[in-house]
């Protein structure tokens, strides 16, 4: 396998002790590690300082919450300034399991045409329930979209396709990038041997109409951004990527049913879904609701 220089980028926002554990699991596997902090409070900064003191990682202090896309872009620019070939992108609550970077790169090199790969995605497992989280895949096995956290991307892809869209602020930043790179002829591959523990909301299991269902219980403010950004993408990719649009729209309807029947805070969540829909159609993007 070729020698690649990999920079890990971890975005933090009021992290807990798990951040230090996550840095510990990852630091020996990469050439560089940078934490990009989006305006954490004083109590949380101690964990970031500890990670820097113990593991020697770099810190970029944004001073305020600029959103996940802006933080990722700052980390990518740092990686490029350090002459790294790849970035490995992580949320603060994601933890690699054992060897991670090497199997991800092996999956890249094993692909018939690695130059066409834009994103290598790991196998995701929910950190709390240990339930697998499956990527969005077509019937023919093509990966349509994957999460940002845990993904590894060659720096050259950002030169070809651009950075993450900061107007999304948070939520569906990953889907937008996946749709964009696929529309430009690149592919997403999954590395079965790269395993990431990840927290997607606060997943709980229920029974509804005799069936077991899993819901994420995202907060009301997140429902605004999730709805606004996904509908904005529907408008852009309805015919350019109909399979993704149809799949995600069906998922949106399913999520609304779950909110109605099993989640708490229904009035605020439904109100923000309506507000997000309205803003998507009028093109009101960016940071518009406190998190």
C-alpha atoms as a PDB file:
ATOM      1  CA  UNK A   1       0.000   0.000   0.000  1.00  0.00           C
ATOM      2  CA  UNK A   2       1.201   3.514  -0.805  1.00  0.00           C
ATOM      3  CA  UNK A   3       2.264   5.801   2.019  1.00  0.00           C
ATOM      4  CA  UNK A   4      -0.361   8.511   2.510  1.00  0.00           C
ATOM      5  CA  UNK A   5      -0.236  11.401   4.942  1.00  0.00           C
ATOM      6  CA  UNK A   6      -3.604  11.613   6.719  1.00  0.00           C
ATOM      7  CA  UNK A   7      -4.894  14.481   8.841  1.00  0.00           C
ATOM      8  CA  UNK A   8      -7.788  13.805  11.223  1.00  0.00           C
ATOM      9  CA  UNK A   9     -10.216  16.706  11.699  1.00  0.00           C
ATOM     10  CA  UNK A  10     -12.481  16.630  14.757  1.00  0.00           C
ATOM     11  CA  UNK A  11     -15.181  19.287  15.105  1.00  0.00           C
ATOM     12  CA  UNK A  12     -16.069  20.101  18.708  1.00  0.00           C
ATOM     13  CA  UNK A  13     -18.872  22.049  20.348  1.00  0.00           C
ATOM     14  CA  UNK A  14     -19.156  21.833  24.143  1.00  0.00           C
ATOM     15  CA  UNK A  15     -17.546  18.363  24.248  1.00  0.00           C
ATOM     16  CA  UNK A  16     -17.285  16.055  27.252  1.00  0.00           C
ATOM     17  CA  UNK A  17     -14.663  13.577  28.385  1.00  0.00           C
ATOM     18  CA  UNK A  18     -15.464  11.329  25.408  1.00  0.00           C
ATOM     19  CA  UNK A  19     -13.537  13.753  23.187  1.00  0.00           C
ATOM     20  CA  UNK A  20     -10.264  12.809  24.883  1.00  0.00           C
ATOM     21  CA  UNK A  21     -11.074   9.100  24.504  1.00  0.00           C
ATOM     22  CA  UNK A  22     -11.791   9.603  20.826  1.00  0.00           C
ATOM     23  CA  UNK A  23      -8.530  11.473  20.271  1.00  0.00           C
ATOM     24  CA  UNK A  24      -6.665   8.690  22.105  1.00  0.00           C
ATOM     25  CA  UNK A  25      -8.127   6.032  19.802  1.00  0.00           C
ATOM     26  CA  UNK A  26      -7.225   7.979  16.674  1.00  0.00           C
ATOM     27  CA  UNK A  27      -4.031   9.945  17.299  1.00  0.00           C
ATOM     28  CA  UNK A  28      -1.524   7.141  16.620  1.00  0.00           C
ATOM     29  CA  UNK A  29      -3.148   6.327  13.271  1.00  0.00           C
ATOM     30  CA  UNK A  30      -2.706   9.713  11.580  1.00  0.00           C
ATOM     31  CA  UNK A  31       0.135  12.092  10.762  1.00  0.00           C
ATOM     32  CA  UNK A  32      -1.773  15.142  12.005  1.00  0.00           C
ATOM     33  CA  UNK A  33      -4.809  15.708  14.199  1.00  0.00           C
ATOM     34  CA  UNK A  34      -6.619  19.023  14.517  1.00  0.00           C
ATOM     35  CA  UNK A  35      -9.621  19.896  16.670  1.00  0.00           C
ATOM     36  CA  UNK A  36     -11.735  22.710  15.257  1.00  0.00           C
ATOM     37  CA  UNK A  37     -13.800  24.168  18.085  1.00  0.00           C
ATOM     38  CA  UNK A  38     -17.043  25.996  17.338  1.00  0.00           C
ATOM     39  CA  UNK A  39     -17.244  28.248  20.386  1.00  0.00           C
ATOM     40  CA  UNK A  40     -17.354  25.812  23.314  1.00  0.00           C
ATOM     41  CA  UNK A  41     -17.977  27.133  26.823  1.00  0.00           C
ATOM     42  CA  UNK A  42     -15.247  27.359  29.434  1.00  0.00           C
ATOM     43  CA  UNK A  43     -16.213  24.070  31.144  1.00  0.00           C
ATOM     44  CA  UNK A  44     -15.787  22.133  27.914  1.00  0.00           C
ATOM     45  CA  UNK A  45     -12.537  23.783  26.882  1.00  0.00           C
ATOM     46  CA  UNK A  46     -10.699  21.836  29.580  1.00  0.00           C
ATOM     47  CA  UNK A  47     -11.261  18.611  27.611  1.00  0.00           C
ATOM     48  CA  UNK A  48      -9.890  20.201  24.450  1.00  0.00           C
ATOM     49  CA  UNK A  49      -6.871  21.490  26.369  1.00  0.00           C
ATOM     50  CA  UNK A  50      -6.304  18.012  27.816  1.00  0.00           C
ATOM     51  CA  UNK A  51      -6.373  16.439  24.351  1.00  0.00           C
ATOM     52  CA  UNK A  52      -3.805  18.954  23.151  1.00  0.00           C
ATOM     53  CA  UNK A  53      -1.565  18.495  26.205  1.00  0.00           C
ATOM     54  CA  UNK A  54      -1.590  14.695  26.169  1.00  0.00           C
ATOM     55  CA  UNK A  55      -1.670  13.955  22.432  1.00  0.00           C
ATOM     56  CA  UNK A  56      -0.113  17.061  20.906  1.00  0.00           C
ATOM     57  CA  UNK A  57      -2.984  17.813  18.527  1.00  0.00           C
ATOM     58  CA  UNK A  58      -3.524  21.229  17.005  1.00  0.00           C
ATOM     59  CA  UNK A  59      -6.489  23.412  17.965  1.00  0.00           C
ATOM     60  CA  UNK A  60      -8.365  25.920  15.824  1.00  0.00           C
ATOM     61  CA  UNK A  61     -10.570  28.158  17.989  1.00  0.00           C
ATOM     62  CA  UNK A  62     -13.443  29.596  15.973  1.00  0.00           C
ATOM     63  CA  UNK A  63     -14.707  31.645  18.928  1.00  0.00           C
ATOM     64  CA  UNK A  64     -18.361  31.073  18.074  1.00  0.00           C
ATOM     65  CA  UNK A  65     -20.513  28.451  16.390  1.00  0.00           C
ATOM     66  CA  UNK A  66     -19.808  28.887  12.685  1.00  0.00           C
ATOM     67  CA  UNK A  67     -21.539  25.616  11.805  1.00  0.00           C
ATOM     68  CA  UNK A  68     -20.256  22.169  10.954  1.00  0.00           C
ATOM     69  CA  UNK A  69     -19.402  22.983   7.314  1.00  0.00           C
ATOM     70  CA  UNK A  70     -17.266  26.016   8.179  1.00  0.00           C
ATOM     71  CA  UNK A  71     -15.446  24.043  10.877  1.00  0.00           C
ATOM     72  CA  UNK A  72     -14.764  21.143   8.509  1.00  0.00           C
ATOM     73  CA  UNK A  73     -13.483  23.546   5.871  1.00  0.00           C
ATOM     74  CA  UNK A  74     -11.095  25.132   8.390  1.00  0.00           C
ATOM     75  CA  UNK A  75      -9.739  21.680   9.205  1.00  0.00           C
ATOM     76  CA  UNK A  76      -9.369  20.768   5.539  1.00  0.00           C
ATOM     77  CA  UNK A  77      -7.436  23.983   4.858  1.00  0.00           C
ATOM     78  CA  UNK A  78      -5.156  23.178   7.798  1.00  0.00           C
ATOM     79  CA  UNK A  79      -4.564  19.662   6.422  1.00  0.00           C
ATOM     80  CA  UNK A  80      -3.656  21.070   3.035  1.00  0.00           C
ATOM     81  CA  UNK A  81      -1.269  23.570   4.626  1.00  0.00           C
ATOM     82  CA  UNK A  82       0.493  20.593   6.245  1.00  0.00           C
ATOM     83  CA  UNK A  83       0.846  18.852   2.853  1.00  0.00           C
ATOM     84  CA  UNK A  84      -1.457  15.995   3.833  1.00  0.00           C
ATOM     85  CA  UNK A  85      -2.913  13.734   1.135  1.00  0.00           C
ATOM     86  CA  UNK A  86      -6.146  12.838   2.952  1.00  0.00           C
ATOM     87  CA  UNK A  87      -8.500  14.116   5.615  1.00  0.00           C
ATOM     88  CA  UNK A  88     -10.421  11.887   8.006  1.00  0.00           C
ATOM     89  CA  UNK A  89     -13.423  13.807   9.345  1.00  0.00           C
ATOM     90  CA  UNK A  90     -15.056  13.233  12.727  1.00  0.00           C
ATOM     91  CA  UNK A  91     -17.695  14.532  15.097  1.00  0.00           C
ATOM     92  CA  UNK A  92     -16.623  14.842  18.724  1.00  0.00           C
ATOM     93  CA  UNK A  93     -18.797  11.872  19.744  1.00  0.00           C
ATOM     94  CA  UNK A  94     -17.439   9.436  17.141  1.00  0.00           C
ATOM     95  CA  UNK A  95     -14.844   6.823  18.105  1.00  0.00           C
ATOM     96  CA  UNK A  96     -12.845   4.539  15.834  1.00  0.00           C
ATOM     97  CA  UNK A  97     -12.685   0.866  16.738  1.00  0.00           C
ATOM     98  CA  UNK A  98      -9.165  -0.544  16.582  1.00  0.00           C
ATOM     99  CA  UNK A  99      -7.298  -0.133  13.322  1.00  0.00           C
ATOM    100  CA  UNK A 100      -9.307   2.323  11.233  1.00  0.00           C
ATOM    101  CA  UNK A 101      -7.228   4.434   8.864  1.00  0.00           C
ATOM    102  CA  UNK A 102      -5.258   1.523   7.328  1.00  0.00           C
ATOM    103  CA  UNK A 103      -8.362  -0.540   6.366  1.00  0.00           C
ATOM    104  CA  UNK A 104     -10.005   2.576   4.951  1.00  0.00           C
ATOM    105  CA  UNK A 105      -6.995   3.206   2.721  1.00  0.00           C
ATOM    106  CA  UNK A 106      -6.856  -0.480   1.789  1.00  0.00           C
ATOM    107  CA  UNK A 107     -10.468  -0.278   0.568  1.00  0.00           C
ATOM    108  CA  UNK A 108      -9.463   2.725  -1.546  1.00  0.00           C
ATOM    109  CA  UNK A 109      -6.554   0.912  -3.156  1.00  0.00           C
ATOM    110  CA  UNK A 110      -8.555  -2.285  -3.696  1.00  0.00           C
ATOM    111  CA  UNK A 111     -11.115  -0.457  -5.835  1.00  0.00           C
ATOM    112  CA  UNK A 112     -10.762  -0.981  -9.588  1.00  0.00           C
ATOM    113  CA  UNK A 113     -10.465   2.749 -10.310  1.00  0.00           C
ATOM    114  CA  UNK A 114      -9.379   4.498  -7.087  1.00  0.00           C
ATOM    115  CA  UNK A 115      -9.013   7.816  -8.879  1.00  0.00           C
ATOM    116  CA  UNK A 116     -12.829   7.878  -9.170  1.00  0.00           C
ATOM    117  CA  UNK A 117     -13.344   7.614  -5.396  1.00  0.00           C
ATOM    118  CA  UNK A 118     -14.388  10.801  -3.644  1.00  0.00           C
ATOM    119  CA  UNK A 119     -15.292   9.364  -0.234  1.00  0.00           C
ATOM    120  CA  UNK A 120     -14.361   6.223   1.684  1.00  0.00           C
ATOM    121  CA  UNK A 121     -17.001   5.567   4.358  1.00  0.00           C
ATOM    122  CA  UNK A 122     -16.697   3.257   7.365  1.00  0.00           C
ATOM    123  CA  UNK A 123     -19.196   0.811   8.796  1.00  0.00           C
ATOM    124  CA  UNK A 124     -21.284   2.717  11.346  1.00  0.00           C
ATOM    125  CA  UNK A 125     -22.519   1.403  14.684  1.00  0.00           C
ATOM    126  CA  UNK A 126     -24.633   3.455  17.094  1.00  0.00           C
ATOM    127  CA  UNK A 127     -22.516   4.250  20.127  1.00  0.00           C
ATOM    128  CA  UNK A 128     -25.274   3.714  22.694  1.00  0.00           C
ATOM    129  CA  UNK A 129     -27.448   0.913  21.301  1.00  0.00           C
ATOM    130  CA  UNK A 130     -24.694  -0.803  19.232  1.00  0.00           C
ATOM    131  CA  UNK A 131     -27.204  -1.072  16.389  1.00  0.00           C
ATOM    132  CA  UNK A 132     -25.727  -0.885  12.868  1.00  0.00           C
ATOM    133  CA  UNK A 133     -26.517   2.274  10.904  1.00  0.00           C
ATOM    134  CA  UNK A 134     -26.791   1.466   7.218  1.00  0.00           C
ATOM    135  CA  UNK A 135     -25.774   3.907   4.448  1.00  0.00           C
ATOM    136  CA  UNK A 136     -28.198   4.973   1.746  1.00  0.00           C
ATOM    137  CA  UNK A 137     -27.614   2.417  -1.008  1.00  0.00           C
ATOM    138  CA  UNK A 138     -29.434   1.770  -4.288  1.00  0.00           C
ATOM    139  CA  UNK A 139     -30.782  -1.671  -5.238  1.00  0.00           C
ATOM    140  CA  UNK A 140     -27.742  -2.156  -7.437  1.00  0.00           C
ATOM    141  CA  UNK A 141     -25.431  -1.553  -4.468  1.00  0.00           C
ATOM    142  CA  UNK A 142     -24.362   2.007  -5.300  1.00  0.00           C
ATOM    143  CA  UNK A 143     -23.816   4.139  -2.190  1.00  0.00           C
ATOM    144  CA  UNK A 144     -25.914   7.273  -2.657  1.00  0.00           C
ATOM    145  CA  UNK A 145     -24.893   9.171   0.475  1.00  0.00           C
ATOM    146  CA  UNK A 146     -22.999   8.703   3.709  1.00  0.00           C
ATOM    147  CA  UNK A 147     -22.326  10.624   6.906  1.00  0.00           C
ATOM    148  CA  UNK A 148     -19.425  13.035   7.162  1.00  0.00           C
ATOM    149  CA  UNK A 149     -18.149  11.690  10.473  1.00  0.00           C
ATOM    150  CA  UNK A 150     -15.712   8.862   9.839  1.00  0.00           C
ATOM    151  CA  UNK A 151     -15.419   9.547   6.134  1.00  0.00           C
ATOM    152  CA  UNK A 152     -12.011   9.842   4.520  1.00  0.00           C
ATOM    153  CA  UNK A 153     -11.564  12.118   1.515  1.00  0.00           C
ATOM    154  CA  UNK A 154      -8.491  12.770  -0.665  1.00  0.00           C
ATOM    155  CA  UNK A 155      -7.490  16.436  -0.642  1.00  0.00           C
ATOM    156  CA  UNK A 156      -7.547  16.402  -4.452  1.00  0.00           C
ATOM    157  CA  UNK A 157     -11.334  15.933  -4.350  1.00  0.00           C
ATOM    158  CA  UNK A 158     -11.798  19.357  -2.770  1.00  0.00           C
ATOM    159  CA  UNK A 159      -9.762  20.872  -5.591  1.00  0.00           C
ATOM    160  CA  UNK A 160     -12.048  19.194  -8.121  1.00  0.00           C
ATOM    161  CA  UNK A 161     -15.413  19.597  -6.371  1.00  0.00           C
ATOM    162  CA  UNK A 162     -15.065  22.413  -3.845  1.00  0.00           C
ATOM    163  CA  UNK A 163     -15.353  22.482  -0.056  1.00  0.00           C
ATOM    164  CA  UNK A 164     -18.437  21.856   2.094  1.00  0.00           C
ATOM    165  CA  UNK A 165     -21.360  24.252   1.610  1.00  0.00           C
ATOM    166  CA  UNK A 166     -21.325  26.598   4.611  1.00  0.00           C
ATOM    167  CA  UNK A 167     -24.819  27.936   3.876  1.00  0.00           C
ATOM    168  CA  UNK A 168     -26.218  24.655   5.261  1.00  0.00           C
ATOM    169  CA  UNK A 169     -24.700  25.447   8.687  1.00  0.00           C
ATOM    170  CA  UNK A 170     -25.563  22.023  10.157  1.00  0.00           C
ATOM    171  CA  UNK A 171     -27.400  18.905   8.913  1.00  0.00           C
ATOM    172  CA  UNK A 172     -27.340  17.545   5.362  1.00  0.00           C
ATOM    173  CA  UNK A 173     -23.903  19.067   4.811  1.00  0.00           C
ATOM    174  CA  UNK A 174     -22.839  15.466   4.182  1.00  0.00           C
ATOM    175  CA  UNK A 175     -25.677  14.701   1.757  1.00  0.00           C
ATOM    176  CA  UNK A 176     -25.050  17.883  -0.225  1.00  0.00           C
ATOM    177  CA  UNK A 177     -21.388  16.988  -0.650  1.00  0.00           C
ATOM    178  CA  UNK A 178     -22.210  13.384  -1.604  1.00  0.00           C
ATOM    179  CA  UNK A 179     -24.718  14.514  -4.210  1.00  0.00           C
ATOM    180  CA  UNK A 180     -22.270  17.044  -5.602  1.00  0.00           C
ATOM    181  CA  UNK A 181     -19.335  14.656  -5.985  1.00  0.00           C
ATOM    182  CA  UNK A 182     -21.526  11.937  -7.482  1.00  0.00           C
ATOM    183  CA  UNK A 183     -22.984  14.424  -9.975  1.00  0.00           C
ATOM    184  CA  UNK A 184     -19.398  15.112 -11.058  1.00  0.00           C
ATOM    185  CA  UNK A 185     -18.699  11.459 -11.797  1.00  0.00           C
ATOM    186  CA  UNK A 186     -17.080  10.330  -8.551  1.00  0.00           C
ATOM    187  CA  UNK A 187     -18.151   7.433  -6.315  1.00  0.00           C
ATOM    188  CA  UNK A 188     -18.526   6.624  -2.627  1.00  0.00           C
ATOM    189  CA  UNK A 189     -17.207   3.302  -1.339  1.00  0.00           C
ATOM    190  CA  UNK A 190     -17.584   1.633   2.037  1.00  0.00           C
ATOM    191  CA  UNK A 191     -14.740  -0.043   3.923  1.00  0.00           C
ATOM    192  CA  UNK A 192     -16.242  -2.996   5.789  1.00  0.00           C
ATOM    193  CA  UNK A 193     -13.218  -3.320   8.064  1.00  0.00           C
ATOM    194  CA  UNK A 194     -13.288   0.304   9.217  1.00  0.00           C
ATOM    195  CA  UNK A 195     -15.736   0.518  12.133  1.00  0.00           C
ATOM    196  CA  UNK A 196     -16.908   3.753  13.763  1.00  0.00           C
ATOM    197  CA  UNK A 197     -19.031   4.150  16.869  1.00  0.00           C
ATOM    198  CA  UNK A 198     -21.233   7.153  16.218  1.00  0.00           C
ATOM    199  CA  UNK A 199     -24.147   8.855  17.961  1.00  0.00           C
ATOM    200  CA  UNK A 200     -27.018   9.855  15.691  1.00  0.00           C
ATOM    201  CA  UNK A 201     -29.296  11.942  17.870  1.00  0.00           C
ATOM    202  CA  UNK A 202     -30.452   9.893  20.871  1.00  0.00           C
ATOM    203  CA  UNK A 203     -31.690   6.667  19.317  1.00  0.00           C
ATOM    204  CA  UNK A 204     -34.477   4.765  21.075  1.00  0.00           C
ATOM    205  CA  UNK A 205     -36.473   1.677  20.111  1.00  0.00           C
ATOM    206  CA  UNK A 206     -40.302   1.549  20.205  1.00  0.00           C
ATOM    207  CA  UNK A 207     -43.132  -0.609  18.960  1.00  0.00           C
ATOM    208  CA  UNK A 208     -45.645   1.053  16.644  1.00  0.00           C
ATOM    209  CA  UNK A 209     -48.496  -0.765  14.914  1.00  0.00           C
ATOM    210  CA  UNK A 210     -46.885  -4.053  15.956  1.00  0.00           C
ATOM    211  CA  UNK A 211     -43.524  -3.212  14.392  1.00  0.00           C
ATOM    212  CA  UNK A 212     -40.212  -2.301  16.021  1.00  0.00           C
ATOM    213  CA  UNK A 213     -39.090   1.189  15.040  1.00  0.00           C
ATOM    214  CA  UNK A 214     -36.006   3.246  15.826  1.00  0.00           C
ATOM    215  CA  UNK A 215     -36.204   7.012  16.224  1.00  0.00           C
ATOM    216  CA  UNK A 216     -33.406   9.571  16.673  1.00  0.00           C
ATOM    217  CA  UNK A 217     -35.186  12.092  18.946  1.00  0.00           C
ATOM    218  CA  UNK A 218     -33.397  15.112  17.484  1.00  0.00           C
ATOM    219  CA  UNK A 219     -34.092  18.379  19.278  1.00  0.00           C
ATOM    220  CA  UNK A 220     -36.633  20.809  17.804  1.00  0.00           C
ATOM    221  CA  UNK A 221     -33.975  23.230  16.499  1.00  0.00           C
ATOM    222  CA  UNK A 222     -32.271  20.403  14.632  1.00  0.00           C
ATOM    223  CA  UNK A 223     -35.605  19.510  13.004  1.00  0.00           C
ATOM    224  CA  UNK A 224     -35.612  22.984  11.479  1.00  0.00           C
ATOM    225  CA  UNK A 225     -32.196  22.553   9.846  1.00  0.00           C
ATOM    226  CA  UNK A 226     -32.795  18.936   8.819  1.00  0.00           C
ATOM    227  CA  UNK A 227     -36.059  19.854   7.079  1.00  0.00           C
ATOM    228  CA  UNK A 228     -34.861  23.084   5.475  1.00  0.00           C
ATOM    229  CA  UNK A 229     -31.669  21.624   4.078  1.00  0.00           C
ATOM    230  CA  UNK A 230     -33.131  18.373   2.780  1.00  0.00           C
ATOM    231  CA  UNK A 231     -35.982  20.173   0.993  1.00  0.00           C
ATOM    232  CA  UNK A 232     -33.491  22.629  -0.509  1.00  0.00           C
ATOM    233  CA  UNK A 233     -31.672  19.588  -1.897  1.00  0.00           C
ATOM    234  CA  UNK A 234     -34.921  18.062  -3.191  1.00  0.00           C
ATOM    235  CA  UNK A 235     -35.517  21.199  -5.218  1.00  0.00           C
ATOM    236  CA  UNK A 236     -32.026  21.063  -6.729  1.00  0.00           C
ATOM    237  CA  UNK A 237     -31.676  17.316  -7.285  1.00  0.00           C
ATOM    238  CA  UNK A 238     -35.231  16.141  -7.946  1.00  0.00           C
ATOM    239  CA  UNK A 239     -34.460  15.151 -11.531  1.00  0.00           C
ATOM    240  CA  UNK A 240     -30.648  15.169 -11.357  1.00  0.00           C
ATOM    241  CA  UNK A 241     -30.681  12.472  -8.652  1.00  0.00           C
ATOM    242  CA  UNK A 242     -34.252  11.219  -8.436  1.00  0.00           C
ATOM    243  CA  UNK A 243     -33.316   7.970  -6.653  1.00  0.00           C
ATOM    244  CA  UNK A 244     -31.698   9.807  -3.737  1.00  0.00           C
ATOM    245  CA  UNK A 245     -34.526  12.351  -3.598  1.00  0.00           C
ATOM    246  CA  UNK A 246     -37.252   9.709  -3.523  1.00  0.00           C
ATOM    247  CA  UNK A 247     -35.414   7.621  -0.928  1.00  0.00           C
ATOM    248  CA  UNK A 248     -34.772  10.549   1.374  1.00  0.00           C
ATOM    249  CA  UNK A 249     -38.281  11.992   0.977  1.00  0.00           C
ATOM    250  CA  UNK A 250     -39.780   8.658   2.024  1.00  0.00           C
ATOM    251  CA  UNK A 251     -37.460   8.730   5.008  1.00  0.00           C
ATOM    252  CA  UNK A 252     -38.684  12.220   5.865  1.00  0.00           C
ATOM    253  CA  UNK A 253     -42.308  11.070   5.871  1.00  0.00           C
ATOM    254  CA  UNK A 254     -41.383   8.144   8.108  1.00  0.00           C
ATOM    255  CA  UNK A 255     -39.619  10.500  10.527  1.00  0.00           C
ATOM    256  CA  UNK A 256     -42.699  12.738  10.762  1.00  0.00           C
ATOM    257  CA  UNK A 257     -44.834   9.702  11.649  1.00  0.00           C
ATOM    258  CA  UNK A 258     -42.362   8.741  14.371  1.00  0.00           C
ATOM    259  CA  UNK A 259     -42.407  12.271  15.771  1.00  0.00           C
ATOM    260  CA  UNK A 260     -46.206  12.261  15.831  1.00  0.00           C
ATOM    261  CA  UNK A 261     -46.519   8.918  17.615  1.00  0.00           C
ATOM    262  CA  UNK A 262     -43.489   8.290  19.813  1.00  0.00           C
ATOM    263  CA  UNK A 263     -41.260  11.357  20.255  1.00  0.00           C
ATOM    264  CA  UNK A 264     -41.554  14.055  22.883  1.00  0.00           C
ATOM    265  CA  UNK A 265     -41.772  17.777  22.142  1.00  0.00           C
ATOM    266  CA  UNK A 266     -44.069  17.226  19.168  1.00  0.00           C
ATOM    267  CA  UNK A 267     -45.507  20.772  18.881  1.00  0.00           C
ATOM    268  CA  UNK A 268     -42.089  22.461  18.711  1.00  0.00           C
ATOM    269  CA  UNK A 269     -40.683  19.853  16.327  1.00  0.00           C
ATOM    270  CA  UNK A 270     -43.660  20.022  13.963  1.00  0.00           C
ATOM    271  CA  UNK A 271     -43.591  23.824  14.050  1.00  0.00           C
ATOM    272  CA  UNK A 272     -39.910  23.821  13.097  1.00  0.00           C
ATOM    273  CA  UNK A 273     -40.530  21.312  10.308  1.00  0.00           C
ATOM    274  CA  UNK A 274     -43.062  23.727   8.828  1.00  0.00           C
ATOM    275  CA  UNK A 275     -40.721  26.686   9.316  1.00  0.00           C
ATOM    276  CA  UNK A 276     -37.845  24.787   7.722  1.00  0.00           C
ATOM    277  CA  UNK A 277     -40.043  23.917   4.735  1.00  0.00           C
ATOM    278  CA  UNK A 278     -41.014  27.565   4.302  1.00  0.00           C
ATOM    279  CA  UNK A 279     -37.411  28.783   4.488  1.00  0.00           C
ATOM    280  CA  UNK A 280     -36.247  26.122   2.023  1.00  0.00           C
ATOM    281  CA  UNK A 281     -38.645  27.398  -0.619  1.00  0.00           C
ATOM    282  CA  UNK A 282     -37.662  31.010  -0.080  1.00  0.00           C
ATOM    283  CA  UNK A 283     -33.949  30.189  -0.010  1.00  0.00           C
ATOM    284  CA  UNK A 284     -33.308  31.402   3.547  1.00  0.00           C
ATOM    285  CA  UNK A 285     -30.131  29.489   4.395  1.00  0.00           C
ATOM    286  CA  UNK A 286     -27.347  29.897   6.953  1.00  0.00           C
ATOM    287  CA  UNK A 287     -27.571  30.138  10.753  1.00  0.00           C
ATOM    288  CA  UNK A 288     -31.168  31.080  11.453  1.00  0.00           C
ATOM    289  CA  UNK A 289     -32.076  29.245  14.665  1.00  0.00           C
ATOM    290  CA  UNK A 290     -30.086  28.878  17.924  1.00  0.00           C
ATOM    291  CA  UNK A 291     -28.925  25.353  18.713  1.00  0.00           C
END
